[in-house]
Amino acid sequence: MNKLGYSEQIYEILRRRIITLQLAPGERIDIGKLSREFNISATPVREALRGLVERGLVHYKKDVGYWVVSLTRKDVEDIFALRKLLECFALEKGIDRIPTEKLDELRDRSLYLLEDNLSPAALRQEFDKTDECLHRLR
């Protein structure tokens, strides 16, 4: 870790762990454990956690500690509805500028996801790859 910006680096590491579910919704975050993991004092960890609280990814209970927020079913449905709107709009606006071979690859990946022969873990992995492919279209 770079000496400058410990809290920013910890913030980014924890944010990534939260969004990839390495830190599960509702999981308690142990400041001491993170301090030992990164071999730093607790102060930059607390600063990173405060930033995550501000972003709504972590919940703080005074004198108790920090937890990864839990999303309700409605939260997830709302997120996916918004994502669908934004991504469809972006595709409509930029589809003419995307090379045909990249669109073909995305179509093939999407059709593969619809096949009923993937385990839940494999489906998630392939979905993530397809999603990344979609977001890298140029």
N, C-alpha and C. Protein backbone atom coordinates (compact mmCIF):
# COMPACT_ATOMS: atom_id res chain seq x y z
N MET A 1 0.84 -1.18 0.00
CA MET A 1 0.00 0.00 0.00
C MET A 1 0.88 1.25 0.00
N ASN A 2 0.44 2.24 -0.73
CA ASN A 2 1.15 3.51 -0.75
C ASN A 2 0.96 4.21 0.58
N LYS A 3 1.99 4.93 1.02
CA LYS A 3 1.89 5.62 2.31
C LYS A 3 0.82 6.70 2.27
N LEU A 4 0.73 7.40 1.14
CA LEU A 4 -0.29 8.44 1.01
C LEU A 4 -1.61 7.82 0.62
N GLY A 5 -2.66 8.26 1.22
CA GLY A 5 -3.98 7.85 0.82
C GLY A 5 -4.41 6.47 1.30
N TYR A 6 -3.98 6.06 2.49
CA TYR A 6 -4.40 4.76 3.02
C TYR A 6 -5.91 4.64 3.06
N SER A 7 -6.57 5.66 3.56
CA SER A 7 -8.03 5.57 3.71
C SER A 7 -8.72 5.42 2.35
N GLU A 8 -8.21 6.11 1.34
CA GLU A 8 -8.80 5.97 0.00
C GLU A 8 -8.59 4.57 -0.55
N GLN A 9 -7.42 4.01 -0.31
CA GLN A 9 -7.14 2.65 -0.78
C GLN A 9 -8.01 1.63 -0.05
N ILE A 10 -8.15 1.78 1.25
CA ILE A 10 -8.99 0.88 2.04
C ILE A 10 -10.44 1.02 1.60
N TYR A 11 -10.88 2.26 1.38
CA TYR A 11 -12.24 2.51 0.90
C TYR A 11 -12.49 1.72 -0.38
N GLU A 12 -11.58 1.81 -1.33
CA GLU A 12 -11.77 1.14 -2.61
C GLU A 12 -11.75 -0.38 -2.46
N ILE A 13 -10.87 -0.90 -1.64
CA ILE A 13 -10.80 -2.35 -1.41
C ILE A 13 -12.11 -2.84 -0.78
N LEU A 14 -12.59 -2.12 0.25
CA LEU A 14 -13.82 -2.53 0.92
C LEU A 14 -15.03 -2.37 0.00
N ARG A 15 -15.05 -1.30 -0.77
CA ARG A 15 -16.16 -1.10 -1.72
C ARG A 15 -16.23 -2.26 -2.70
N ARG A 16 -15.08 -2.65 -3.20
CA ARG A 16 -15.02 -3.76 -4.16
C ARG A 16 -15.46 -5.07 -3.48
N ARG A 17 -15.04 -5.27 -2.25
CA ARG A 17 -15.45 -6.48 -1.52
C ARG A 17 -16.96 -6.51 -1.29
N ILE A 18 -17.53 -5.34 -1.05
CA ILE A 18 -18.98 -5.27 -0.81
C ILE A 18 -19.74 -5.55 -2.10
N ILE A 19 -19.35 -4.91 -3.19
CA ILE A 19 -20.13 -5.08 -4.42
C ILE A 19 -19.92 -6.45 -5.06
N THR A 20 -18.84 -7.15 -4.71
CA THR A 20 -18.64 -8.50 -5.22
C THR A 20 -19.08 -9.56 -4.20
N LEU A 21 -19.68 -9.10 -3.12
CA LEU A 21 -20.22 -9.96 -2.06
C LEU A 21 -19.16 -10.75 -1.31
N GLN A 22 -17.89 -10.32 -1.40
CA GLN A 22 -16.88 -10.91 -0.53
C GLN A 22 -17.17 -10.53 0.92
N LEU A 23 -17.75 -9.36 1.09
CA LEU A 23 -18.33 -8.96 2.38
C LEU A 23 -19.84 -9.04 2.17
N ALA A 24 -20.47 -9.93 2.89
CA ALA A 24 -21.88 -10.22 2.67
C ALA A 24 -22.79 -9.16 3.29
N PRO A 25 -23.97 -8.96 2.70
CA PRO A 25 -24.95 -8.05 3.31
C PRO A 25 -25.22 -8.48 4.75
N GLY A 26 -25.20 -7.50 5.64
CA GLY A 26 -25.43 -7.76 7.06
C GLY A 26 -24.20 -8.18 7.84
N GLU A 27 -23.09 -8.38 7.14
CA GLU A 27 -21.86 -8.83 7.81
C GLU A 27 -21.24 -7.69 8.62
N ARG A 28 -20.80 -8.01 9.83
CA ARG A 28 -20.12 -7.03 10.68
C ARG A 28 -18.71 -6.82 10.16
N ILE A 29 -18.26 -5.58 10.17
CA ILE A 29 -16.91 -5.24 9.70
C ILE A 29 -16.03 -5.01 10.92
N ASP A 30 -14.98 -5.77 11.03
CA ASP A 30 -14.08 -5.74 12.18
C ASP A 30 -12.89 -4.82 11.87
N ILE A 31 -12.87 -3.66 12.51
CA ILE A 31 -11.81 -2.67 12.26
C ILE A 31 -10.45 -3.24 12.64
N GLY A 32 -10.37 -3.90 13.76
CA GLY A 32 -9.10 -4.48 14.20
C GLY A 32 -8.55 -5.49 13.22
N LYS A 33 -9.43 -6.33 12.71
CA LYS A 33 -9.02 -7.35 11.73
C LYS A 33 -8.49 -6.69 10.46
N LEU A 34 -9.18 -5.65 10.00
CA LEU A 34 -8.73 -4.95 8.80
C LEU A 34 -7.41 -4.23 9.04
N SER A 35 -7.25 -3.64 10.22
CA SER A 35 -5.98 -2.98 10.56
C SER A 35 -4.83 -3.96 10.50
N ARG A 36 -5.06 -5.15 11.03
CA ARG A 36 -4.01 -6.19 10.99
C ARG A 36 -3.77 -6.68 9.57
N GLU A 37 -4.86 -6.86 8.81
CA GLU A 37 -4.72 -7.33 7.43
C GLU A 37 -3.87 -6.39 6.60
N PHE A 38 -4.09 -5.09 6.77
CA PHE A 38 -3.37 -4.11 5.96
C PHE A 38 -2.15 -3.53 6.66
N ASN A 39 -1.92 -3.99 7.89
CA ASN A 39 -0.76 -3.55 8.67
C ASN A 39 -0.71 -2.03 8.81
N ILE A 40 -1.85 -1.47 9.20
CA ILE A 40 -1.97 -0.03 9.41
C ILE A 40 -2.77 0.22 10.68
N SER A 41 -2.78 1.47 11.13
CA SER A 41 -3.57 1.81 12.31
C SER A 41 -5.07 1.79 11.96
N ALA A 42 -5.88 1.87 12.98
CA ALA A 42 -7.33 1.83 12.78
C ALA A 42 -7.88 3.11 12.16
N THR A 43 -7.15 4.21 12.26
CA THR A 43 -7.66 5.50 11.79
C THR A 43 -8.01 5.49 10.30
N PRO A 44 -7.13 5.07 9.39
CA PRO A 44 -7.52 5.06 7.98
C PRO A 44 -8.67 4.09 7.69
N VAL A 45 -8.77 3.01 8.45
CA VAL A 45 -9.88 2.08 8.27
C VAL A 45 -11.18 2.77 8.65
N ARG A 46 -11.19 3.48 9.78
CA ARG A 46 -12.39 4.21 10.20
C ARG A 46 -12.77 5.28 9.18
N GLU A 47 -11.77 5.98 8.65
CA GLU A 47 -12.04 7.01 7.64
C GLU A 47 -12.68 6.38 6.40
N ALA A 48 -12.16 5.25 5.97
CA ALA A 48 -12.72 4.55 4.81
C ALA A 48 -14.15 4.12 5.11
N LEU A 49 -14.39 3.61 6.29
CA LEU A 49 -15.73 3.17 6.66
C LEU A 49 -16.71 4.34 6.71
N ARG A 50 -16.25 5.49 7.18
CA ARG A 50 -17.13 6.67 7.17
C ARG A 50 -17.53 7.04 5.74
N GLY A 51 -16.57 6.92 4.82
CA GLY A 51 -16.90 7.18 3.41
C GLY A 51 -17.91 6.18 2.88
N LEU A 52 -17.79 4.94 3.28
CA LEU A 52 -18.73 3.91 2.83
C LEU A 52 -20.11 4.12 3.46
N VAL A 53 -20.14 4.66 4.68
CA VAL A 53 -21.41 5.01 5.31
C VAL A 53 -22.08 6.13 4.51
N GLU A 54 -21.29 7.13 4.12
CA GLU A 54 -21.82 8.25 3.33
C GLU A 54 -22.39 7.78 2.00
N ARG A 55 -21.81 6.75 1.42
CA ARG A 55 -22.27 6.21 0.14
C ARG A 55 -23.41 5.21 0.30
N GLY A 56 -23.75 4.89 1.54
CA GLY A 56 -24.85 3.98 1.78
C GLY A 56 -24.51 2.51 1.65
N LEU A 57 -23.22 2.17 1.62
CA LEU A 57 -22.82 0.78 1.50
C LEU A 57 -22.61 0.12 2.86
N VAL A 58 -22.40 0.94 3.89
CA VAL A 58 -22.13 0.45 5.23
C VAL A 58 -23.04 1.19 6.19
N HIS A 59 -23.47 0.49 7.23
CA HIS A 59 -24.31 1.09 8.28
C HIS A 59 -23.49 1.14 9.57
N TYR A 60 -23.62 2.25 10.30
CA TYR A 60 -22.91 2.42 11.57
C TYR A 60 -23.89 2.51 12.71
N LYS A 61 -23.63 1.74 13.76
CA LYS A 61 -24.41 1.82 15.00
C LYS A 61 -23.48 2.33 16.08
N LYS A 62 -23.82 3.49 16.62
CA LYS A 62 -22.97 4.13 17.62
C LYS A 62 -22.64 3.18 18.77
N ASP A 63 -21.37 3.16 19.10
CA ASP A 63 -20.82 2.33 20.18
C ASP A 63 -20.98 0.83 19.94
N VAL A 64 -21.37 0.43 18.74
CA VAL A 64 -21.53 -0.99 18.44
C VAL A 64 -20.62 -1.40 17.29
N GLY A 65 -20.67 -0.66 16.16
CA GLY A 65 -19.79 -0.98 15.06
C GLY A 65 -20.38 -0.74 13.68
N TYR A 66 -19.73 -1.34 12.69
CA TYR A 66 -20.08 -1.16 11.29
C TYR A 66 -20.56 -2.49 10.70
N TRP A 67 -21.55 -2.38 9.79
CA TRP A 67 -22.08 -3.54 9.09
C TRP A 67 -22.29 -3.19 7.62
N VAL A 68 -22.12 -4.19 6.77
CA VAL A 68 -22.47 -4.04 5.36
C VAL A 68 -24.00 -3.94 5.30
N VAL A 69 -24.51 -2.98 4.54
CA VAL A 69 -25.96 -2.82 4.45
C VAL A 69 -26.59 -4.04 3.79
N SER A 70 -27.80 -4.30 4.21
CA SER A 70 -28.59 -5.37 3.60
C SER A 70 -29.60 -4.71 2.67
N LEU A 71 -29.73 -5.24 1.49
CA LEU A 71 -30.69 -4.72 0.54
C LEU A 71 -31.98 -5.51 0.62
N THR A 72 -33.08 -4.81 0.52
CA THR A 72 -34.37 -5.49 0.47
C THR A 72 -34.62 -5.96 -0.95
N ARG A 73 -35.59 -6.82 -1.11
CA ARG A 73 -35.97 -7.27 -2.44
C ARG A 73 -36.36 -6.07 -3.31
N LYS A 74 -37.09 -5.12 -2.72
CA LYS A 74 -37.50 -3.92 -3.46
C LYS A 74 -36.28 -3.11 -3.89
N ASP A 75 -35.27 -2.96 -3.02
CA ASP A 75 -34.04 -2.25 -3.38
C ASP A 75 -33.41 -2.87 -4.62
N VAL A 76 -33.30 -4.19 -4.63
CA VAL A 76 -32.68 -4.89 -5.75
C VAL A 76 -33.53 -4.72 -7.01
N GLU A 77 -34.84 -4.86 -6.88
CA GLU A 77 -35.72 -4.67 -8.03
C GLU A 77 -35.60 -3.26 -8.59
N ASP A 78 -35.54 -2.25 -7.72
CA ASP A 78 -35.40 -0.86 -8.17
C ASP A 78 -34.06 -0.63 -8.87
N ILE A 79 -33.00 -1.21 -8.32
CA ILE A 79 -31.68 -1.06 -8.92
C ILE A 79 -31.67 -1.66 -10.33
N PHE A 80 -32.23 -2.87 -10.46
CA PHE A 80 -32.24 -3.51 -11.78
C PHE A 80 -33.15 -2.78 -12.76
N ALA A 81 -34.25 -2.22 -12.28
CA ALA A 81 -35.13 -1.46 -13.17
C ALA A 81 -34.41 -0.21 -13.68
N LEU A 82 -33.73 0.48 -12.81
CA LEU A 82 -32.98 1.68 -13.21
C LEU A 82 -31.85 1.32 -14.16
N ARG A 83 -31.16 0.25 -13.83
CA ARG A 83 -30.07 -0.20 -14.69
C ARG A 83 -30.57 -0.54 -16.08
N LYS A 84 -31.69 -1.22 -16.15
CA LYS A 84 -32.28 -1.59 -17.45
C LYS A 84 -32.59 -0.34 -18.26
N LEU A 85 -33.19 0.66 -17.62
CA LEU A 85 -33.52 1.91 -18.32
C LEU A 85 -32.26 2.59 -18.85
N LEU A 86 -31.26 2.71 -18.00
CA LEU A 86 -30.03 3.40 -18.39
C LEU A 86 -29.27 2.66 -19.48
N GLU A 87 -29.16 1.37 -19.34
CA GLU A 87 -28.39 0.60 -20.31
C GLU A 87 -29.10 0.53 -21.66
N CYS A 88 -30.42 0.40 -21.65
CA CYS A 88 -31.16 0.39 -22.91
C CYS A 88 -31.04 1.75 -23.60
N PHE A 89 -31.14 2.83 -22.83
CA PHE A 89 -30.99 4.17 -23.39
C PHE A 89 -29.60 4.35 -24.01
N ALA A 90 -28.56 3.92 -23.27
CA ALA A 90 -27.19 4.06 -23.76
C ALA A 90 -26.99 3.25 -25.05
N LEU A 91 -27.56 2.05 -25.10
CA LEU A 91 -27.44 1.24 -26.32
C LEU A 91 -28.17 1.88 -27.49
N GLU A 92 -29.36 2.41 -27.24
CA GLU A 92 -30.10 3.08 -28.32
C GLU A 92 -29.30 4.24 -28.90
N LYS A 93 -28.65 5.00 -28.03
CA LYS A 93 -27.89 6.17 -28.48
C LYS A 93 -26.59 5.81 -29.18
N GLY A 94 -25.99 4.67 -28.80
CA GLY A 94 -24.67 4.37 -29.34
C GLY A 94 -24.57 3.14 -30.21
N ILE A 95 -25.66 2.48 -30.47
CA ILE A 95 -25.63 1.19 -31.18
C ILE A 95 -25.00 1.30 -32.57
N ASP A 96 -25.21 2.43 -33.24
CA ASP A 96 -24.67 2.59 -34.59
C ASP A 96 -23.15 2.71 -34.61
N ARG A 97 -22.55 3.00 -33.48
CA ARG A 97 -21.10 3.17 -33.42
C ARG A 97 -20.37 1.93 -32.93
N ILE A 98 -21.12 0.88 -32.60
CA ILE A 98 -20.51 -0.35 -32.08
C ILE A 98 -20.27 -1.32 -33.24
N PRO A 99 -19.04 -1.83 -33.36
CA PRO A 99 -18.75 -2.78 -34.45
C PRO A 99 -19.66 -4.02 -34.37
N THR A 100 -20.09 -4.49 -35.53
CA THR A 100 -21.00 -5.62 -35.63
C THR A 100 -20.46 -6.85 -34.91
N GLU A 101 -19.16 -7.12 -35.03
CA GLU A 101 -18.60 -8.32 -34.39
C GLU A 101 -18.72 -8.26 -32.87
N LYS A 102 -18.66 -7.07 -32.30
CA LYS A 102 -18.82 -6.94 -30.84
C LYS A 102 -20.28 -7.16 -30.45
N LEU A 103 -21.19 -6.68 -31.26
CA LEU A 103 -22.62 -6.93 -31.00
C LEU A 103 -22.94 -8.41 -31.15
N ASP A 104 -22.33 -9.06 -32.14
CA ASP A 104 -22.54 -10.49 -32.32
C ASP A 104 -22.04 -11.27 -31.10
N GLU A 105 -20.88 -10.88 -30.59
CA GLU A 105 -20.33 -11.54 -29.40
C GLU A 105 -21.27 -11.37 -28.21
N LEU A 106 -21.79 -10.18 -28.02
CA LEU A 106 -22.72 -9.91 -26.92
C LEU A 106 -24.00 -10.73 -27.08
N ARG A 107 -24.52 -10.80 -28.30
CA ARG A 107 -25.71 -11.61 -28.56
C ARG A 107 -25.46 -13.07 -28.23
N ASP A 108 -24.31 -13.60 -28.69
CA ASP A 108 -23.99 -15.00 -28.43
C ASP A 108 -23.84 -15.28 -26.94
N ARG A 109 -23.21 -14.36 -26.22
CA ARG A 109 -23.06 -14.51 -24.77
C ARG A 109 -24.44 -14.50 -24.09
N SER A 110 -25.30 -13.61 -24.54
CA SER A 110 -26.63 -13.48 -23.94
C SER A 110 -27.46 -14.74 -24.20
N LEU A 111 -27.38 -15.28 -25.41
CA LEU A 111 -28.11 -16.52 -25.71
C LEU A 111 -27.60 -17.68 -24.88
N TYR A 112 -26.30 -17.73 -24.66
CA TYR A 112 -25.69 -18.77 -23.83
C TYR A 112 -26.23 -18.70 -22.40
N LEU A 113 -26.42 -17.50 -21.91
CA LEU A 113 -26.96 -17.33 -20.55
C LEU A 113 -28.38 -17.87 -20.43
N LEU A 114 -29.12 -17.85 -21.52
CA LEU A 114 -30.51 -18.31 -21.50
C LEU A 114 -30.63 -19.83 -21.53
N GLU A 115 -29.55 -20.50 -21.90
CA GLU A 115 -29.58 -21.96 -21.89
C GLU A 115 -29.70 -22.44 -20.45
N ASP A 116 -30.33 -23.56 -20.26
CA ASP A 116 -30.62 -24.05 -18.91
C ASP A 116 -29.61 -25.10 -18.46
N ASN A 117 -28.34 -24.95 -18.83
CA ASN A 117 -27.36 -25.98 -18.50
C ASN A 117 -26.24 -25.46 -17.61
N LEU A 118 -26.42 -24.30 -16.99
CA LEU A 118 -25.38 -23.73 -16.15
C LEU A 118 -25.77 -23.82 -14.67
N SER A 119 -24.81 -24.14 -13.84
CA SER A 119 -25.05 -24.12 -12.40
C SER A 119 -25.22 -22.66 -11.98
N PRO A 120 -25.81 -22.41 -10.82
CA PRO A 120 -25.96 -21.02 -10.38
C PRO A 120 -24.62 -20.27 -10.32
N ALA A 121 -23.57 -20.93 -9.86
CA ALA A 121 -22.26 -20.28 -9.78
C ALA A 121 -21.72 -19.96 -11.17
N ALA A 122 -21.85 -20.92 -12.09
CA ALA A 122 -21.38 -20.71 -13.47
C ALA A 122 -22.22 -19.63 -14.16
N LEU A 123 -23.52 -19.64 -13.90
CA LEU A 123 -24.39 -18.62 -14.48
C LEU A 123 -23.97 -17.24 -14.02
N ARG A 124 -23.69 -17.10 -12.72
CA ARG A 124 -23.25 -15.80 -12.20
C ARG A 124 -21.94 -15.36 -12.85
N GLN A 125 -21.01 -16.29 -12.97
CA GLN A 125 -19.72 -15.97 -13.57
C GLN A 125 -19.89 -15.54 -15.03
N GLU A 126 -20.69 -16.27 -15.77
CA GLU A 126 -20.92 -15.92 -17.18
C GLU A 126 -21.71 -14.62 -17.31
N PHE A 127 -22.66 -14.40 -16.41
CA PHE A 127 -23.40 -13.13 -16.43
C PHE A 127 -22.44 -11.97 -16.22
N ASP A 128 -21.54 -12.09 -15.24
CA ASP A 128 -20.58 -11.02 -14.97
C ASP A 128 -19.69 -10.75 -16.17
N LYS A 129 -19.26 -11.80 -16.86
CA LYS A 129 -18.43 -11.63 -18.06
C LYS A 129 -19.23 -10.92 -19.16
N THR A 130 -20.48 -11.31 -19.32
CA THR A 130 -21.34 -10.69 -20.33
C THR A 130 -21.60 -9.23 -20.00
N ASP A 131 -21.84 -8.97 -18.73
CA ASP A 131 -22.07 -7.59 -18.28
C ASP A 131 -20.84 -6.73 -18.54
N GLU A 132 -19.67 -7.28 -18.26
CA GLU A 132 -18.43 -6.54 -18.53
C GLU A 132 -18.28 -6.29 -20.03
N CYS A 133 -18.61 -7.28 -20.82
CA CYS A 133 -18.56 -7.15 -22.28
C CYS A 133 -19.48 -6.02 -22.74
N LEU A 134 -20.68 -5.98 -22.19
CA LEU A 134 -21.64 -4.92 -22.52
C LEU A 134 -21.07 -3.54 -22.19
N HIS A 135 -20.46 -3.43 -21.03
CA HIS A 135 -19.98 -2.12 -20.59
C HIS A 135 -18.68 -1.69 -21.24
N ARG A 136 -18.05 -2.60 -21.95
CA ARG A 136 -16.83 -2.25 -22.68
C ARG A 136 -17.08 -2.03 -24.17
N LEU A 137 -18.33 -2.10 -24.58
CA LEU A 137 -18.65 -1.89 -25.99
C LEU A 137 -18.22 -0.49 -26.43
N ARG A 138 -17.56 -0.46 -27.57
CA ARG A 138 -17.11 0.83 -28.13
C ARG A 138 -17.05 0.71 -29.62
